[in-house]
N, C-alpha and C. Protein backbone atom coordinates (compact mmCIF):
# COMPACT_ATOMS: atom_id res chain seq x y z
N MET A 1 8.90 17.68 -3.54
CA MET A 1 8.74 16.60 -2.58
C MET A 1 8.04 17.15 -1.34
N LEU A 2 7.08 16.43 -0.86
CA LEU A 2 6.27 16.83 0.29
C LEU A 2 7.01 16.52 1.59
N SER A 3 6.98 17.45 2.51
CA SER A 3 7.57 17.26 3.83
C SER A 3 6.56 17.74 4.86
N MET A 4 6.22 16.88 5.82
CA MET A 4 5.26 17.23 6.86
C MET A 4 5.78 16.79 8.21
N LYS A 5 5.45 17.57 9.20
CA LYS A 5 5.76 17.21 10.58
C LYS A 5 4.50 16.57 11.16
N LEU A 6 4.61 15.31 11.60
CA LEU A 6 3.48 14.58 12.15
C LEU A 6 3.70 14.33 13.63
N LYS A 7 2.66 14.49 14.42
CA LYS A 7 2.77 14.31 15.86
C LYS A 7 2.29 12.92 16.25
N ILE A 8 3.05 12.26 17.12
CA ILE A 8 2.67 10.95 17.66
C ILE A 8 1.77 11.20 18.86
N THR A 9 0.63 10.51 18.88
CA THR A 9 -0.34 10.71 19.94
C THR A 9 -0.72 9.37 20.57
N ALA A 10 -1.19 9.42 21.80
CA ALA A 10 -1.61 8.19 22.50
C ALA A 10 -2.96 7.74 21.99
N ILE A 11 -3.07 6.43 21.74
CA ILE A 11 -4.33 5.80 21.36
C ILE A 11 -4.46 4.56 22.23
N GLY A 12 -5.17 4.68 23.33
CA GLY A 12 -5.25 3.60 24.31
C GLY A 12 -3.86 3.32 24.86
N ASN A 13 -3.42 2.06 24.82
CA ASN A 13 -2.08 1.69 25.29
C ASN A 13 -1.05 1.76 24.17
N SER A 14 -1.46 2.22 23.00
CA SER A 14 -0.57 2.29 21.84
C SER A 14 -0.31 3.75 21.48
N ALA A 15 0.37 3.94 20.37
CA ALA A 15 0.63 5.28 19.86
C ALA A 15 0.26 5.32 18.39
N GLY A 16 -0.13 6.48 17.92
CA GLY A 16 -0.52 6.61 16.52
C GLY A 16 -0.13 7.97 15.98
N VAL A 17 -0.23 8.09 14.68
CA VAL A 17 0.08 9.34 13.99
C VAL A 17 -1.19 9.79 13.29
N ILE A 18 -1.52 11.05 13.45
CA ILE A 18 -2.67 11.63 12.76
C ILE A 18 -2.20 12.11 11.39
N LEU A 19 -2.85 11.62 10.33
CA LEU A 19 -2.49 12.03 8.97
C LEU A 19 -3.45 13.12 8.51
N PRO A 20 -2.92 14.25 8.10
CA PRO A 20 -3.78 15.34 7.63
C PRO A 20 -4.56 14.94 6.38
N LYS A 21 -5.72 15.59 6.18
CA LYS A 21 -6.59 15.30 5.05
C LYS A 21 -5.87 15.38 3.71
N ASP A 22 -5.03 16.39 3.53
CA ASP A 22 -4.35 16.55 2.24
C ASP A 22 -3.35 15.42 1.98
N LEU A 23 -2.74 14.89 3.04
CA LEU A 23 -1.83 13.76 2.86
C LEU A 23 -2.62 12.50 2.51
N LEU A 24 -3.76 12.29 3.16
CA LEU A 24 -4.61 11.16 2.83
C LEU A 24 -5.06 11.24 1.37
N ALA A 25 -5.38 12.43 0.92
CA ALA A 25 -5.81 12.61 -0.47
C ALA A 25 -4.67 12.28 -1.43
N ARG A 26 -3.45 12.73 -1.11
CA ARG A 26 -2.29 12.44 -1.97
C ARG A 26 -2.02 10.94 -2.05
N LEU A 27 -2.23 10.24 -0.94
CA LEU A 27 -2.02 8.79 -0.89
C LEU A 27 -3.23 8.01 -1.40
N ARG A 28 -4.32 8.73 -1.68
CA ARG A 28 -5.59 8.13 -2.10
C ARG A 28 -6.08 7.12 -1.06
N LEU A 29 -6.05 7.55 0.19
CA LEU A 29 -6.48 6.71 1.31
C LEU A 29 -7.68 7.33 2.01
N GLU A 30 -8.47 6.46 2.63
CA GLU A 30 -9.60 6.89 3.45
C GLU A 30 -9.54 6.15 4.77
N LYS A 31 -10.33 6.57 5.74
CA LYS A 31 -10.40 5.88 7.02
C LYS A 31 -10.69 4.41 6.77
N GLY A 32 -9.95 3.53 7.44
CA GLY A 32 -10.15 2.10 7.31
C GLY A 32 -9.23 1.43 6.28
N ASP A 33 -8.61 2.24 5.40
CA ASP A 33 -7.66 1.68 4.43
C ASP A 33 -6.38 1.26 5.13
N THR A 34 -5.56 0.50 4.42
CA THR A 34 -4.29 0.02 4.96
C THR A 34 -3.15 0.87 4.44
N LEU A 35 -2.24 1.23 5.33
CA LEU A 35 -1.04 1.98 4.99
C LEU A 35 0.15 1.09 5.32
N TYR A 36 1.09 0.97 4.40
CA TYR A 36 2.25 0.09 4.58
C TYR A 36 3.47 0.91 4.97
N ALA A 37 4.24 0.42 5.93
CA ALA A 37 5.49 1.03 6.34
C ALA A 37 6.61 0.12 5.83
N LEU A 38 7.41 0.63 4.90
CA LEU A 38 8.50 -0.15 4.32
C LEU A 38 9.83 0.42 4.78
N GLU A 39 10.68 -0.43 5.34
CA GLU A 39 12.00 0.02 5.76
C GLU A 39 12.90 0.11 4.53
N THR A 40 13.55 1.26 4.37
CA THR A 40 14.44 1.49 3.24
C THR A 40 15.81 1.91 3.78
N PRO A 41 16.84 1.93 2.96
CA PRO A 41 18.15 2.38 3.43
C PRO A 41 18.12 3.83 3.94
N ASP A 42 17.16 4.63 3.45
CA ASP A 42 17.07 6.03 3.85
C ASP A 42 16.14 6.27 5.04
N GLY A 43 15.47 5.23 5.52
CA GLY A 43 14.53 5.40 6.62
C GLY A 43 13.31 4.53 6.39
N VAL A 44 12.14 5.05 6.77
CA VAL A 44 10.89 4.32 6.61
C VAL A 44 10.02 5.05 5.60
N ARG A 45 9.43 4.30 4.69
CA ARG A 45 8.57 4.88 3.67
C ARG A 45 7.14 4.44 3.94
N LEU A 46 6.21 5.39 4.03
CA LEU A 46 4.79 5.09 4.18
C LEU A 46 4.15 5.11 2.81
N THR A 47 3.41 4.07 2.48
CA THR A 47 2.83 3.98 1.15
C THR A 47 1.52 3.20 1.17
N ALA A 48 0.65 3.51 0.22
CA ALA A 48 -0.58 2.74 0.05
C ALA A 48 -0.32 1.52 -0.83
N PHE A 49 0.87 1.45 -1.39
CA PHE A 49 1.30 0.36 -2.27
C PHE A 49 1.55 -0.89 -1.46
N ASP A 50 0.95 -2.01 -1.86
CA ASP A 50 1.12 -3.29 -1.16
C ASP A 50 2.16 -4.11 -1.92
N PRO A 51 3.39 -4.21 -1.43
CA PRO A 51 4.43 -4.94 -2.15
C PRO A 51 4.12 -6.43 -2.33
N GLU A 52 3.43 -7.04 -1.37
CA GLU A 52 3.08 -8.46 -1.48
C GLU A 52 2.06 -8.67 -2.60
N LEU A 53 1.05 -7.81 -2.68
CA LEU A 53 0.07 -7.91 -3.75
C LEU A 53 0.72 -7.67 -5.11
N ALA A 54 1.63 -6.71 -5.17
CA ALA A 54 2.33 -6.42 -6.43
C ALA A 54 3.11 -7.64 -6.91
N ALA A 55 3.76 -8.34 -5.99
CA ALA A 55 4.52 -9.54 -6.36
C ALA A 55 3.57 -10.63 -6.87
N GLN A 56 2.42 -10.78 -6.22
CA GLN A 56 1.44 -11.76 -6.66
C GLN A 56 0.90 -11.42 -8.05
N MET A 57 0.67 -10.13 -8.30
CA MET A 57 0.17 -9.70 -9.61
C MET A 57 1.22 -9.94 -10.69
N ASP A 58 2.49 -9.75 -10.37
CA ASP A 58 3.56 -10.03 -11.33
C ASP A 58 3.55 -11.50 -11.74
N VAL A 59 3.36 -12.39 -10.76
CA VAL A 59 3.29 -13.82 -11.05
C VAL A 59 2.07 -14.13 -11.92
N ALA A 60 0.92 -13.53 -11.58
CA ALA A 60 -0.30 -13.77 -12.35
C ALA A 60 -0.14 -13.29 -13.79
N GLU A 61 0.45 -12.11 -13.97
CA GLU A 61 0.66 -11.58 -15.32
C GLU A 61 1.60 -12.48 -16.13
N ASP A 62 2.61 -13.01 -15.47
CA ASP A 62 3.54 -13.91 -16.15
C ASP A 62 2.83 -15.18 -16.61
N ILE A 63 1.98 -15.74 -15.73
CA ILE A 63 1.22 -16.94 -16.08
C ILE A 63 0.28 -16.64 -17.25
N MET A 64 -0.38 -15.50 -17.20
CA MET A 64 -1.33 -15.15 -18.27
C MET A 64 -0.62 -14.92 -19.60
N ARG A 65 0.61 -14.40 -19.56
CA ARG A 65 1.37 -14.22 -20.79
C ARG A 65 1.75 -15.57 -21.40
N LYS A 66 2.10 -16.52 -20.54
CA LYS A 66 2.53 -17.84 -21.01
C LYS A 66 1.36 -18.68 -21.48
N ASP A 67 0.21 -18.53 -20.85
CA ASP A 67 -0.97 -19.33 -21.20
C ASP A 67 -2.16 -18.38 -21.33
N ARG A 68 -2.33 -17.79 -22.50
CA ARG A 68 -3.38 -16.80 -22.71
C ARG A 68 -4.78 -17.38 -22.55
N ASP A 69 -4.92 -18.68 -22.64
CA ASP A 69 -6.23 -19.32 -22.48
C ASP A 69 -6.64 -19.48 -21.02
N VAL A 70 -5.74 -19.15 -20.10
CA VAL A 70 -6.04 -19.35 -18.67
C VAL A 70 -7.27 -18.54 -18.25
N LEU A 71 -7.45 -17.35 -18.81
CA LEU A 71 -8.62 -16.55 -18.44
C LEU A 71 -9.92 -17.18 -18.93
N ARG A 72 -9.89 -17.74 -20.13
CA ARG A 72 -11.08 -18.41 -20.65
C ARG A 72 -11.43 -19.64 -19.79
N LYS A 73 -10.41 -20.34 -19.36
CA LYS A 73 -10.63 -21.53 -18.52
C LYS A 73 -11.24 -21.13 -17.19
N LEU A 74 -10.77 -20.01 -16.62
CA LEU A 74 -11.29 -19.55 -15.33
C LEU A 74 -12.72 -19.02 -15.45
N ALA A 75 -13.08 -18.48 -16.60
CA ALA A 75 -14.39 -17.87 -16.79
C ALA A 75 -15.51 -18.91 -16.91
N ARG A 76 -15.14 -20.13 -17.22
CA ARG A 76 -16.17 -21.17 -17.41
C ARG A 76 -16.78 -21.63 -16.15
C-alpha cells in the first residue's frame, strides 16, 4: 500500500495539494483531469473513479441486458 506525505500549499485565496508525478501515474491522471474525494469510515479516499458515472453505467447495463435491441434502436 502506498503512503505519501503531501503538503498543502496556498493557491490564490484557496489551498491545494501538489500530487507527485508517480502518484498521478498510479491514478492514471493528467493535468486537467478530475479527482474525486470520497468520505469513508476510515477517512477520505482520493480516486479517479467517478461513483456517479459508475451508478449510471450500472443502470445502462441493466437496461441493455433486459432489452438487447436497445443498441440497434439507438444506432439508427
